[in-house]
Amino acid sequence: EEHSMVGLSFAERADLPGCPPLAARLLQLMARKKTNLCVAADATSQADLLAVADQAGPHVAVLKTHVDLLEDYDSSFPAKLQALAKKHDFIIFEDRKFADIGKTVTRQFARGSFRISEWADLVSAHAVPGPGVISGIREGITASRDVGVLLVAEMSTQGSLACGHYTEATSQLATENQDLVLGYMCQRRITKDPSWQLHFSPGIKLTGASIHRSASAGGEGKISPDEAIRVRGNDIIIVGRGVCSSATCTAGGSHVHDISAEAKSYRDAAWEAYTNRLAMEA
């Protein structure tokens, strides 16, 4: 059975031999907090992003950012976000999607305006450049921080070229760098070995039944949490607009509380799909 290993609980996977400390920390966090939700806080102001983090924080395992979307970014932002991560017990994932030669990636990660290496727990990268993108990130990690990488193995956009042999090569790159690559952004479970690796699935909608039946205006196919977790064997759902649509992501506005309610709905649906998967595999 392709997904047989997913019968292991998150807590059991955290204890597997070779599981890197950050992967174990995230798996244990998910088990303790009973959530396998990642909210994508794609806001354009610090206030809005921090409002999403504070409202959704109690319900998420991971908060995903695109820091380069912030129009008012300054050096005070990382500490504010880290304080909320500590308050609500979540991992910070900067979805930078590094995709350049090693030296450039090192600079993008550790230097520049954002100094991502100083505050992000997880970052994403494309496998297109080959091993250099991993070594570039590795070179930028400071000794005092534990950082992990998610490789983009598949995308939820229609017509994506990340498929077939490319996805297989991405998995091979992850296998060769298991100390740093904690898993994938993907549409289905890519590998069952090592079984601690985490699979993050974007393109999620509570009402979505099939990727072919529901597509957003941006060409992104949508599937349900149950389809993503129980059927396709992913571990974590990534939800953006479903939790923080333009109508709700307004700092200090009357709709901010809706972020918490929407996040809870997705959290409950994803966790139910996970527990149902465990029951199926028992």
Protein backbone atom coordinates (compact mmCIF):
# COMPACT_ATOMS: atom_id res chain seq x y z
CA GLU A 1 0.00 0.00 0.00
CA GLU A 2 1.54 3.27 -1.17
CA HIS A 3 0.63 5.23 1.95
CA SER A 4 1.01 2.43 4.53
CA MET A 5 3.67 4.28 6.56
CA VAL A 6 1.31 7.16 7.21
CA GLY A 7 -0.37 4.89 9.73
CA LEU A 8 2.29 6.12 12.14
CA SER A 9 1.15 9.04 14.30
CA PHE A 10 2.99 12.34 14.24
CA ALA A 11 4.37 11.61 17.71
CA GLU A 12 5.64 8.18 16.60
CA ARG A 13 7.30 9.67 13.52
CA ALA A 14 9.08 12.25 15.71
CA ASP A 15 10.81 9.35 17.50
CA LEU A 16 12.05 7.61 14.36
CA PRO A 17 15.82 7.16 13.92
CA GLY A 18 17.42 9.94 11.90
CA CYS A 19 14.58 12.41 12.37
CA PRO A 20 16.23 15.88 12.45
CA PRO A 21 15.59 18.01 15.56
CA LEU A 22 13.41 20.58 13.76
CA ALA A 23 11.27 17.88 12.10
CA ALA A 24 10.85 16.19 15.49
CA ARG A 25 9.96 19.53 17.07
CA LEU A 26 7.27 20.18 14.45
CA LEU A 27 5.85 16.64 14.62
CA GLN A 28 5.70 16.85 18.42
CA LEU A 29 4.12 20.31 18.22
CA MET A 30 1.41 18.98 15.88
CA ALA A 31 0.68 16.05 18.20
CA ARG A 32 0.61 18.25 21.30
CA LYS A 33 -1.48 21.03 19.78
CA LYS A 34 -3.66 18.70 17.68
CA THR A 35 -3.25 20.67 14.49
CA ASN A 36 -1.80 20.00 11.05
CA LEU A 37 -2.73 23.40 9.63
CA CYS A 38 -0.38 25.92 8.05
CA VAL A 39 -1.88 29.35 7.39
CA ALA A 40 -0.38 31.47 4.62
CA ALA A 41 -0.38 35.05 5.85
CA ASP A 42 0.18 36.81 2.53
CA ALA A 43 -0.41 40.32 3.86
CA THR A 44 1.15 43.51 2.54
CA SER A 45 1.52 45.31 5.87
CA GLN A 46 3.12 44.32 9.16
CA ALA A 47 -0.07 45.10 11.08
CA ASP A 48 -2.19 42.82 8.91
CA LEU A 49 0.31 39.97 8.94
CA LEU A 50 0.77 40.16 12.71
CA ALA A 51 -3.01 40.29 13.17
CA VAL A 52 -3.35 37.06 11.17
CA ALA A 53 -0.54 35.49 13.20
CA ASP A 54 -2.19 36.43 16.48
CA GLN A 55 -5.72 35.40 15.49
CA ALA A 56 -4.82 32.19 13.66
CA GLY A 57 -1.89 31.35 15.92
CA PRO A 58 -3.78 29.20 18.45
CA HIS A 59 -4.98 26.92 15.63
CA VAL A 60 -1.86 26.48 13.49
CA ALA A 61 1.29 24.39 13.58
CA VAL A 62 2.99 26.59 11.00
CA LEU A 63 2.58 30.19 9.85
CA LYS A 64 3.76 30.81 6.29
CA THR A 65 4.99 34.22 5.20
CA HIS A 66 6.10 35.99 2.03
CA VAL A 67 8.13 38.70 3.71
CA ASP A 68 8.88 40.44 0.42
CA LEU A 69 5.18 41.29 0.10
CA LEU A 70 5.41 43.65 3.08
CA GLU A 71 5.36 47.25 1.93
CA ASP A 72 6.35 48.57 5.36
CA TYR A 73 8.96 46.00 6.37
CA ASP A 74 11.59 47.13 8.86
CA SER A 75 14.07 45.39 11.14
CA SER A 76 11.58 45.34 14.04
CA PHE A 77 9.28 42.89 12.24
CA PRO A 78 11.05 39.56 12.90
CA ALA A 79 11.05 40.02 16.69
CA LYS A 80 7.32 40.80 16.66
CA LEU A 81 6.59 37.67 14.63
CA GLN A 82 8.87 35.50 16.78
CA ALA A 83 7.09 36.76 19.91
CA LEU A 84 3.76 35.59 18.49
CA ALA A 85 5.28 32.25 17.47
CA LYS A 86 6.41 31.76 21.05
CA LYS A 87 3.07 32.92 22.46
CA HIS A 88 0.99 30.58 20.28
CA ASP A 89 3.50 27.75 19.77
CA PHE A 90 3.95 27.66 15.99
CA ILE A 91 6.78 27.35 13.46
CA ILE A 92 7.65 30.27 11.15
CA PHE A 93 7.92 29.26 7.49
CA GLU A 94 9.24 31.87 5.04
CA ASP A 95 8.13 30.68 1.62
CA ARG A 96 11.02 32.28 -0.26
CA LYS A 97 11.34 29.51 -2.87
CA PHE A 98 15.06 29.96 -3.38
CA ALA A 99 16.07 29.03 -6.92
CA ASP A 100 19.51 30.39 -7.78
CA ILE A 101 23.19 29.49 -7.63
CA GLY A 102 24.59 28.74 -4.19
CA LYS A 103 26.40 32.03 -3.50
CA THR A 104 23.36 34.08 -4.45
CA VAL A 105 21.07 31.91 -2.32
CA THR A 106 23.38 32.32 0.67
CA ARG A 107 23.17 36.10 0.33
CA GLN A 108 19.39 36.08 -0.19
CA PHE A 109 18.98 33.87 2.89
CA ALA A 110 21.47 35.39 5.32
CA ARG A 111 21.94 38.96 4.13
CA GLY A 112 19.97 41.58 2.21
CA SER A 113 17.10 43.51 3.74
CA PHE A 114 15.29 40.57 5.32
CA ARG A 115 18.08 38.42 6.86
CA ILE A 116 15.75 35.43 6.71
CA SER A 117 18.27 33.11 8.33
CA GLU A 118 17.94 35.02 11.60
CA TRP A 119 14.21 34.42 12.17
CA ALA A 120 12.65 31.78 9.89
CA ASP A 121 12.47 28.17 11.08
CA LEU A 122 11.60 26.79 7.66
CA VAL A 123 12.30 28.05 4.14
CA SER A 124 11.31 26.71 0.74
CA ALA A 125 13.44 26.09 -2.33
CA HIS A 126 13.05 24.88 -5.89
CA ALA A 127 15.17 21.94 -6.98
CA VAL A 128 15.86 23.48 -10.41
CA PRO A 129 19.41 24.65 -9.56
CA GLY A 130 20.34 21.22 -8.20
CA PRO A 131 22.40 20.62 -5.04
CA GLY A 132 23.78 24.18 -5.07
CA VAL A 133 20.55 25.62 -3.75
CA ILE A 134 20.78 23.37 -0.69
CA SER A 135 24.46 24.12 -0.07
CA GLY A 136 23.69 27.82 -0.44
CA ILE A 137 21.10 27.66 2.32
CA ARG A 138 23.34 25.46 4.44
CA GLU A 139 26.15 28.03 4.14
CA GLY A 140 23.85 30.78 5.42
CA ILE A 141 22.68 29.03 8.58
CA THR A 142 24.12 30.46 11.78
CA ALA A 143 25.45 27.99 14.34
CA SER A 144 22.89 28.98 16.96
CA ARG A 145 19.79 28.31 14.82
CA ASP A 146 18.03 25.16 13.64
CA VAL A 147 16.59 25.72 10.16
CA GLY A 148 14.93 23.32 7.75
CA VAL A 149 14.11 23.34 4.04
CA LEU A 150 11.00 22.27 2.15
CA LEU A 151 11.57 21.45 -1.52
CA VAL A 152 8.86 22.34 -4.03
CA ALA A 153 8.15 18.94 -5.57
CA GLU A 154 4.73 19.75 -7.05
CA MET A 155 2.57 22.85 -7.32
CA SER A 156 -1.19 23.31 -7.23
CA THR A 157 -1.23 25.61 -10.27
CA GLN A 158 -2.69 24.28 -13.49
CA GLY A 159 -0.04 23.42 -16.07
CA SER A 160 2.77 23.22 -13.49
CA LEU A 161 6.02 21.79 -14.86
CA ALA A 162 6.90 20.37 -11.43
CA CYS A 163 5.81 16.80 -12.13
CA GLY A 164 7.04 13.40 -13.31
CA HIS A 165 10.83 13.11 -13.56
CA TYR A 166 11.29 16.54 -11.98
CA THR A 167 9.39 15.45 -8.87
CA GLU A 168 11.43 12.25 -8.72
CA ALA A 169 14.67 14.22 -8.97
CA THR A 170 13.46 16.56 -6.22
CA SER A 171 12.86 13.56 -3.97
CA GLN A 172 16.36 12.31 -4.71
CA LEU A 173 17.83 15.70 -3.78
CA ALA A 174 15.91 15.56 -0.49
CA THR A 175 17.17 12.04 0.20
CA GLU A 176 20.76 13.21 -0.26
CA ASN A 177 20.25 16.08 2.22
CA GLN A 178 18.09 14.55 4.95
CA ASP A 179 19.74 16.57 7.69
CA LEU A 180 18.42 19.81 6.17
CA VAL A 181 15.47 18.94 3.89
CA LEU A 182 12.53 18.16 6.17
CA GLY A 183 10.02 17.49 3.41
CA TYR A 184 8.10 18.84 0.45
CA MET A 185 5.47 21.19 -0.85
CA CYS A 186 3.43 18.84 -2.98
CA GLN A 187 0.02 17.56 -4.03
CA ARG A 188 0.42 13.97 -2.85
CA ARG A 189 2.74 11.87 -0.72
CA ILE A 190 6.01 11.67 -2.64
CA THR A 191 7.93 9.18 -0.50
CA LYS A 192 7.45 6.91 2.47
CA ASP A 193 11.17 6.67 3.26
CA PRO A 194 12.31 8.32 5.43
CA SER A 195 8.89 8.27 7.04
CA TRP A 196 9.50 11.33 9.21
CA GLN A 197 9.58 13.61 6.15
CA LEU A 198 6.71 16.09 6.07
CA HIS A 199 4.41 16.71 3.11
CA PHE A 200 2.78 20.16 2.90
CA SER A 201 -0.18 20.47 0.54
CA PRO A 202 -1.26 23.90 -0.81
CA GLY A 203 -4.43 24.62 -2.77
CA ILE A 204 -6.94 23.67 -0.08
CA LYS A 205 -10.59 24.64 0.22
CA LEU A 206 -13.13 23.25 2.69
CA THR A 207 -15.72 22.76 -0.04
CA GLY A 208 -13.28 21.52 -2.70
CA ALA A 209 -13.95 17.90 -3.68
CA SER A 210 -11.61 17.55 -6.62
CA ILE A 211 -8.71 19.46 -8.09
CA HIS A 212 -10.47 19.31 -11.43
CA ARG A 213 -13.75 20.74 -10.19
CA SER A 214 -12.54 23.78 -8.31
CA ALA A 215 -9.98 26.26 -9.63
CA SER A 216 -9.32 29.76 -8.35
CA ALA A 217 -8.99 32.83 -10.52
CA GLY A 218 -5.22 32.47 -10.39
CA GLY A 219 -5.34 29.03 -11.95
CA GLU A 220 -4.75 27.20 -8.68
CA GLY A 221 -6.66 23.95 -8.31
CA LYS A 222 -8.41 23.36 -4.99
CA ILE A 223 -8.92 20.15 -3.06
CA SER A 224 -10.52 19.43 0.31
CA PRO A 225 -8.58 18.79 3.52
CA ASP A 226 -9.83 15.19 3.50
CA GLU A 227 -8.60 14.65 -0.06
CA ALA A 228 -5.22 16.16 0.78
CA ILE A 229 -4.61 14.35 4.09
CA ARG A 230 -6.55 11.08 4.14
CA VAL A 231 -6.65 10.21 0.44
CA ARG A 232 -3.38 11.63 -0.89
CA GLY A 233 -1.31 11.02 2.23
CA ASN A 234 -0.09 14.57 2.87
CA ASP A 235 0.57 15.73 6.44
CA ILE A 236 -0.12 19.46 6.57
CA ILE A 237 -2.55 21.62 4.63
CA ILE A 238 -1.59 25.16 3.58
CA VAL A 239 -4.51 27.58 3.56
CA GLY A 240 -4.31 31.22 2.56
CA ARG A 241 -7.39 32.95 1.21
CA GLY A 242 -9.69 30.44 2.89
CA VAL A 243 -8.62 31.81 6.27
CA CYS A 244 -7.52 35.34 5.46
CA SER A 245 -9.43 36.62 2.47
CA SER A 246 -9.31 40.34 1.71
CA ALA A 247 -12.63 40.68 3.55
CA THR A 248 -11.21 39.36 6.81
CA CYS A 249 -7.52 40.31 6.88
CA THR A 250 -7.92 43.86 8.11
CA ALA A 251 -6.00 44.69 11.25
CA GLY A 252 -8.26 46.19 13.88
CA GLY A 253 -11.31 45.81 11.64
CA SER A 254 -14.64 44.25 12.57
CA HIS A 255 -13.86 41.02 10.72
CA VAL A 256 -10.54 40.12 12.34
CA HIS A 257 -12.19 37.61 14.69
CA ASP A 258 -13.34 35.68 11.59
CA ILE A 259 -9.71 34.70 10.97
CA SER A 260 -9.74 32.68 14.18
CA ALA A 261 -13.05 31.03 13.33
CA GLU A 262 -11.97 30.15 9.79
CA ALA A 263 -8.62 28.82 11.00
CA LYS A 264 -10.39 26.62 13.54
CA SER A 265 -12.67 25.22 10.82
CA TYR A 266 -9.71 24.23 8.66
CA ARG A 267 -7.80 22.93 11.67
CA ASP A 268 -10.69 20.69 12.68
CA ALA A 269 -11.18 19.39 9.14
CA ALA A 270 -7.48 18.61 8.64
CA TRP A 271 -7.13 16.94 12.04
CA GLU A 272 -10.23 14.82 11.42
CA ALA A 273 -8.77 13.72 8.07
CA TYR A 274 -5.51 12.80 9.83
CA THR A 275 -7.23 10.78 12.59
CA ASN A 276 -9.39 9.04 9.99
CA ARG A 277 -6.23 8.13 8.06
CA LEU A 278 -4.69 6.65 11.21
CA ALA A 279 -7.86 4.64 11.82
CA MET A 280 -7.81 3.32 8.24
CA GLU A 281 -4.18 2.20 8.62
CA ALA A 282 -4.61 0.66 12.06
